[in-house]
Amino acid sequence: MPMTTLQPFQAAVPTAFNDDESLNVDATIAHIQYLAHHGIRSVLVSGATGEQHSLTLAEKQALAVAVNNASFPDDLEIIFGVASIQQREAVALATTVAAQPRISGILLGLPPYILPTQQEAANYVRAIMAAAQRPTILANDPHRTGFNLELTTLRQLVRSPQVVGLKEAGDPERVPAIRQLMGNDWPIYTGNETDLRHRLALGYNHLSSISANLYSEDMHTWFDHLRTGTQGPDDLMIRRLAAIHSGSTLTFVKARITAQEGTPMGQPRTPLGNFAE
């Protein structure tokens, strides 16, 4: 199932929760609809914000079905995060995603904590891709997972045409080697927004942006200007990013979404947002 477009800029959407920390599907959908009507053409749901592994399999499946059934503009690209510490749960989620035609592709994260071998991780990726039958962006995030996808393993995995990009959240200095391996136009995503100019110079060319939830059009424009070398003054965006990333990022972003849109995003699941003495 080829992806007709792979947007270079996506909003990494937080997951909304109720006061009791239960999943709030309606608020999550409402926020995506808001973004779609404010210039966002690609969203990443259930991934990249650090909340995915707090969701149960049933919650992830419910969110995938809800996203598929919601009313969005036809040109909105929806990427769904698929990962689990258990391969069988990730495969079950991927199977659910495969039954949702509105979902364009998946972000496939490596399992946290258990430290698989490179071969075990490669087999995990292949099993999930086979179940999902969707274009796949691999996510390498050793800071969060403890596992680092080696270039030799990446070289094996990209032989599959289903692999259409990499979100590299590990050592950015290895991106030139990835770029040399994959060519000039192959999508390499960053989730780091505070060092964009340097990362683009290294070879990143796509952005998964948490700040786009608050500054959708401004952030998109700024990224496009940086990517095309037409950047003007960026003091305002740098100040905004500094505020967003100065503390508990998700707590800040959810509170601002609620204030700006009236969408009740709630707090992150504790211990995130846990400021009680």
Protein backbone atom coordinates (compact mmCIF):
# COMPACT_ATOMS: atom_id res chain seq x y z
CA MET A 1 0.00 0.00 0.00
CA PRO A 2 2.09 2.95 -1.21
CA MET A 3 1.76 6.33 0.47
CA THR A 4 0.98 8.97 -2.14
CA THR A 5 2.44 11.76 0.01
CA LEU A 6 4.75 11.82 2.97
CA GLN A 7 4.56 15.26 4.48
CA PRO A 8 7.85 16.78 5.68
CA PHE A 9 6.09 18.42 8.63
CA GLN A 10 3.75 16.72 11.07
CA ALA A 11 2.15 17.63 14.37
CA ALA A 12 2.90 15.12 17.12
CA VAL A 13 -0.50 15.06 18.81
CA PRO A 14 -0.78 14.61 22.60
CA THR A 15 -3.32 12.12 23.87
CA ALA A 16 -6.13 13.63 25.93
CA PHE A 17 -7.04 12.18 29.32
CA ASN A 18 -9.90 12.74 31.73
CA ASP A 19 -9.36 13.85 35.33
CA ASP A 20 -9.15 10.20 36.42
CA GLU A 21 -6.44 9.60 33.77
CA SER A 22 -8.77 7.51 31.56
CA LEU A 23 -8.48 8.00 27.82
CA ASN A 24 -10.46 10.92 26.37
CA VAL A 25 -10.96 9.94 22.75
CA ASP A 26 -13.39 12.77 21.94
CA ALA A 27 -10.99 15.50 23.07
CA THR A 28 -8.10 13.94 21.17
CA ILE A 29 -10.20 13.89 17.99
CA ALA A 30 -11.42 17.45 18.57
CA HIS A 31 -7.85 18.70 18.84
CA ILE A 32 -6.85 16.95 15.60
CA GLN A 33 -9.83 18.55 13.87
CA TYR A 34 -8.70 21.94 15.18
CA LEU A 35 -5.21 21.39 13.79
CA ALA A 36 -6.58 20.27 10.43
CA HIS A 37 -8.49 23.53 10.15
CA HIS A 38 -5.39 25.54 11.03
CA GLY A 39 -3.03 24.43 8.32
CA ILE A 40 -1.80 21.04 9.55
CA ARG A 41 -1.73 18.38 6.82
CA SER A 42 -0.10 15.53 8.73
CA VAL A 43 -0.60 14.31 12.29
CA LEU A 44 1.13 11.66 14.33
CA VAL A 45 -1.30 10.04 16.77
CA SER A 46 -0.33 7.75 19.67
CA GLY A 47 3.38 8.27 19.31
CA ALA A 48 6.34 10.63 19.76
CA THR A 49 5.00 12.49 22.79
CA GLY A 50 6.14 9.94 25.38
CA GLU A 51 2.61 8.81 26.25
CA GLN A 52 2.27 5.77 24.03
CA HIS A 53 3.57 3.21 26.49
CA SER A 54 1.14 4.43 29.17
CA LEU A 55 -1.75 3.30 26.96
CA THR A 56 -3.11 -0.22 27.12
CA LEU A 57 -3.54 -2.22 23.94
CA ALA A 58 -7.32 -1.75 24.17
CA GLU A 59 -6.90 2.03 24.50
CA LYS A 60 -4.60 2.20 21.48
CA GLN A 61 -7.00 0.12 19.43
CA ALA A 62 -9.94 2.29 20.44
CA LEU A 63 -8.02 5.40 19.45
CA ALA A 64 -7.10 3.91 16.06
CA VAL A 65 -10.73 3.05 15.32
CA ALA A 66 -11.90 6.49 16.46
CA VAL A 67 -9.37 8.28 14.27
CA ASN A 68 -10.50 6.21 11.30
CA ASN A 69 -14.17 7.02 11.89
CA ALA A 70 -13.77 10.74 12.66
CA SER A 71 -14.55 13.54 10.26
CA PHE A 72 -11.31 15.04 8.92
CA PRO A 73 -10.36 16.79 5.67
CA ASP A 74 -9.60 14.28 2.94
CA ASP A 75 -6.03 15.56 2.55
CA LEU A 76 -5.08 15.08 6.21
CA GLU A 77 -2.33 12.49 6.48
CA ILE A 78 -2.66 10.33 9.62
CA ILE A 79 0.31 8.41 10.97
CA PHE A 80 -0.37 6.11 13.93
CA GLY A 81 2.24 5.07 16.47
CA VAL A 82 2.71 1.33 16.91
CA ALA A 83 5.02 -0.07 19.58
CA SER A 84 4.93 -2.28 22.62
CA ILE A 85 7.27 -4.04 24.99
CA GLN A 86 5.49 -7.23 23.82
CA GLN A 87 5.67 -8.09 20.13
CA ARG A 88 2.31 -9.89 20.17
CA GLU A 89 0.58 -6.71 21.43
CA ALA A 90 2.28 -4.58 18.79
CA VAL A 91 1.19 -7.05 16.12
CA ALA A 92 -2.38 -6.97 17.46
CA LEU A 93 -2.39 -3.17 17.28
CA ALA A 94 -0.91 -3.25 13.78
CA THR A 95 -3.67 -5.64 12.73
CA THR A 96 -6.25 -3.17 14.03
CA VAL A 97 -4.54 -0.34 12.14
CA ALA A 98 -4.60 -2.42 8.94
CA ALA A 99 -8.41 -2.46 9.17
CA GLN A 100 -8.59 1.37 9.32
CA PRO A 101 -8.32 2.72 5.75
CA ARG A 102 -8.11 6.34 6.93
CA ILE A 103 -4.73 5.70 8.60
CA SER A 104 -2.02 6.42 6.05
CA GLY A 105 1.01 4.91 7.74
CA ILE A 106 2.65 3.94 11.02
CA LEU A 107 5.50 5.15 13.18
CA LEU A 108 7.12 1.96 14.42
CA GLY A 109 8.99 2.29 17.69
CA LEU A 110 11.43 -0.26 19.05
CA PRO A 111 10.49 -1.92 22.36
CA PRO A 112 11.73 -0.16 25.50
CA TYR A 113 13.71 -1.54 28.42
CA ILE A 114 14.12 -5.19 27.35
CA LEU A 115 17.21 -4.53 25.16
CA PRO A 116 16.62 -6.89 22.23
CA THR A 117 19.50 -7.91 20.00
CA GLN A 118 19.71 -6.27 16.58
CA GLN A 119 18.32 -9.44 14.98
CA GLU A 120 15.46 -9.65 17.48
CA ALA A 121 14.60 -6.00 16.81
CA ALA A 122 14.69 -6.55 13.05
CA ASN A 123 12.35 -9.52 13.35
CA TYR A 124 10.04 -7.43 15.57
CA VAL A 125 9.92 -4.72 12.88
CA ARG A 126 9.20 -7.19 10.09
CA ALA A 127 6.40 -8.90 12.03
CA ILE A 128 4.65 -5.61 12.76
CA MET A 129 5.03 -4.30 9.21
CA ALA A 130 3.56 -7.53 7.87
CA ALA A 131 0.52 -7.08 10.11
CA ALA A 132 0.09 -3.35 9.48
CA GLN A 133 0.45 -3.37 5.70
CA ARG A 134 1.16 0.35 5.85
CA PRO A 135 4.08 2.60 4.89
CA THR A 136 6.35 2.61 7.92
CA ILE A 137 8.55 5.23 9.55
CA LEU A 138 11.02 3.54 11.89
CA ALA A 139 11.62 5.30 15.22
CA ASN A 140 15.06 5.03 16.82
CA ASP A 141 15.10 6.59 20.29
CA PRO A 142 17.84 5.05 22.47
CA HIS A 143 17.45 7.78 25.10
CA ARG A 144 13.93 6.53 25.88
CA THR A 145 14.21 2.83 25.00
CA GLY A 146 17.81 1.88 25.77
CA PHE A 147 18.07 0.30 22.30
CA ASN A 148 20.01 1.81 19.38
CA LEU A 149 19.21 0.69 15.82
CA GLU A 150 22.56 0.08 14.16
CA LEU A 151 23.17 1.19 10.60
CA THR A 152 23.75 -2.39 9.47
CA THR A 153 20.29 -3.30 10.77
CA LEU A 154 18.74 -0.23 9.15
CA ARG A 155 20.39 -1.23 5.87
CA GLN A 156 18.65 -4.60 6.08
CA LEU A 157 15.26 -3.17 6.96
CA VAL A 158 15.13 -0.51 4.25
CA ARG A 159 15.30 -3.23 1.64
CA SER A 160 11.57 -3.41 2.23
CA PRO A 161 9.74 -0.71 0.21
CA GLN A 162 7.36 -0.50 3.16
CA VAL A 163 10.03 1.43 5.12
CA VAL A 164 9.58 5.03 3.99
CA GLY A 165 11.52 6.99 6.61
CA LEU A 166 13.35 7.09 9.92
CA LYS A 167 12.76 9.19 13.00
CA GLU A 168 16.28 9.42 14.40
CA ALA A 169 16.22 10.55 18.02
CA GLY A 170 19.62 9.10 18.81
CA ASP A 171 22.98 10.67 18.05
CA PRO A 172 22.33 13.34 15.42
CA GLU A 173 25.95 13.15 14.32
CA ARG A 174 25.28 9.81 12.65
CA VAL A 175 22.67 11.35 10.33
CA PRO A 176 25.25 12.21 7.61
CA ALA A 177 26.08 8.49 7.41
CA ILE A 178 22.36 7.65 7.16
CA ARG A 179 21.95 10.29 4.50
CA GLN A 180 24.86 8.84 2.54
CA LEU A 181 23.26 5.39 2.81
CA MET A 182 19.75 6.47 1.83
CA GLY A 183 20.26 9.35 -0.60
CA ASN A 184 19.40 13.02 -0.53
CA ASP A 185 15.61 12.94 -0.45
CA TRP A 186 14.84 10.01 1.85
CA PRO A 187 12.81 11.18 4.90
CA ILE A 188 14.78 11.51 8.14
CA TYR A 189 12.65 12.99 10.92
CA THR A 190 13.76 14.91 13.96
CA GLY A 191 11.61 15.54 17.00
CA ASN A 192 14.07 18.09 18.40
CA GLU A 193 12.87 21.61 17.67
CA THR A 194 15.39 23.64 19.65
CA ASP A 195 18.36 22.78 17.41
CA LEU A 196 16.65 22.72 14.02
CA ARG A 197 19.16 24.74 12.04
CA HIS A 198 22.04 22.44 13.00
CA ARG A 199 19.99 19.29 12.48
CA LEU A 200 18.91 20.32 9.00
CA ALA A 201 22.56 20.97 8.17
CA LEU A 202 23.37 17.42 9.30
CA GLY A 203 20.80 15.95 6.92
CA TYR A 204 17.46 15.81 8.70
CA ASN A 205 14.70 16.93 6.34
CA HIS A 206 11.42 16.11 8.16
CA LEU A 207 10.04 17.33 11.49
CA SER A 208 7.67 15.74 13.99
CA SER A 209 6.66 18.81 15.99
CA ILE A 210 5.09 19.02 19.44
CA SER A 211 5.06 22.83 19.19
CA ALA A 212 2.80 22.62 16.13
CA ASN A 213 -0.02 21.86 18.55
CA LEU A 214 0.19 25.48 19.71
CA TYR A 215 1.70 27.34 16.75
CA SER A 216 0.59 25.23 13.80
CA GLU A 217 0.98 27.71 10.95
CA ASP A 218 3.90 29.68 12.40
CA MET A 219 5.89 26.55 13.19
CA HIS A 220 5.23 25.07 9.76
CA THR A 221 6.29 28.29 8.02
CA TRP A 222 9.44 28.58 10.13
CA PHE A 223 10.43 24.99 9.38
CA ASP A 224 9.84 25.47 5.65
CA HIS A 225 11.99 28.59 5.69
CA LEU A 226 14.78 26.81 7.50
CA ARG A 227 14.55 23.81 5.20
CA THR A 228 14.68 25.90 2.03
CA GLY A 229 17.32 28.33 3.26
CA THR A 230 15.02 31.36 3.18
CA GLN A 231 14.93 31.92 6.93
CA GLY A 232 14.44 35.44 8.24
CA PRO A 233 14.48 36.50 11.91
CA ASP A 234 13.56 33.62 14.22
CA ASP A 235 13.73 35.23 17.68
CA LEU A 236 9.99 34.81 18.32
CA MET A 237 9.92 31.09 17.54
CA ILE A 238 13.07 30.48 19.58
CA ARG A 239 11.46 32.18 22.59
CA ARG A 240 8.30 30.15 22.13
CA LEU A 241 10.23 26.89 21.90
CA ALA A 242 12.28 27.77 24.96
CA ALA A 243 9.07 28.24 26.96
CA ILE A 244 7.55 24.98 25.73
CA HIS A 245 10.64 22.88 26.43
CA SER A 246 11.79 24.53 29.65
CA GLY A 247 9.98 22.12 31.97
CA SER A 248 7.36 19.37 31.65
CA THR A 249 6.65 19.78 27.93
CA LEU A 250 3.44 17.75 27.76
CA THR A 251 1.98 19.45 30.82
CA PHE A 252 2.68 22.86 29.28
CA VAL A 253 1.33 21.96 25.84
CA LYS A 254 -1.86 20.34 27.13
CA ALA A 255 -2.65 23.28 29.39
CA ARG A 256 -2.14 25.72 26.50
CA ILE A 257 -4.28 23.64 24.12
CA THR A 258 -7.09 23.62 26.68
CA ALA A 259 -6.80 27.39 27.16
CA GLN A 260 -6.56 28.25 23.45
CA GLU A 261 -9.14 25.85 22.03
CA GLY A 262 -11.36 24.99 24.97
CA THR A 263 -10.54 21.33 24.29
CA PRO A 264 -10.14 19.49 27.64
CA MET A 265 -6.81 17.73 27.08
CA GLY A 266 -6.34 17.03 30.79
CA GLN A 267 -3.01 16.38 32.47
CA PRO A 268 -0.52 13.73 31.39
CA ARG A 269 -0.72 10.49 33.29
CA THR A 270 1.29 10.73 36.48
CA PRO A 271 4.14 10.86 37.28
CA LEU A 272 4.21 13.37 34.39
CA GLY A 273 2.62 16.55 35.65
CA ASN A 274 3.03 15.44 39.24
CA PHE A 275 4.09 18.64 40.99
CA ALA A 276 2.63 17.91 44.43
CA GLU A 277 5.06 18.26 47.32
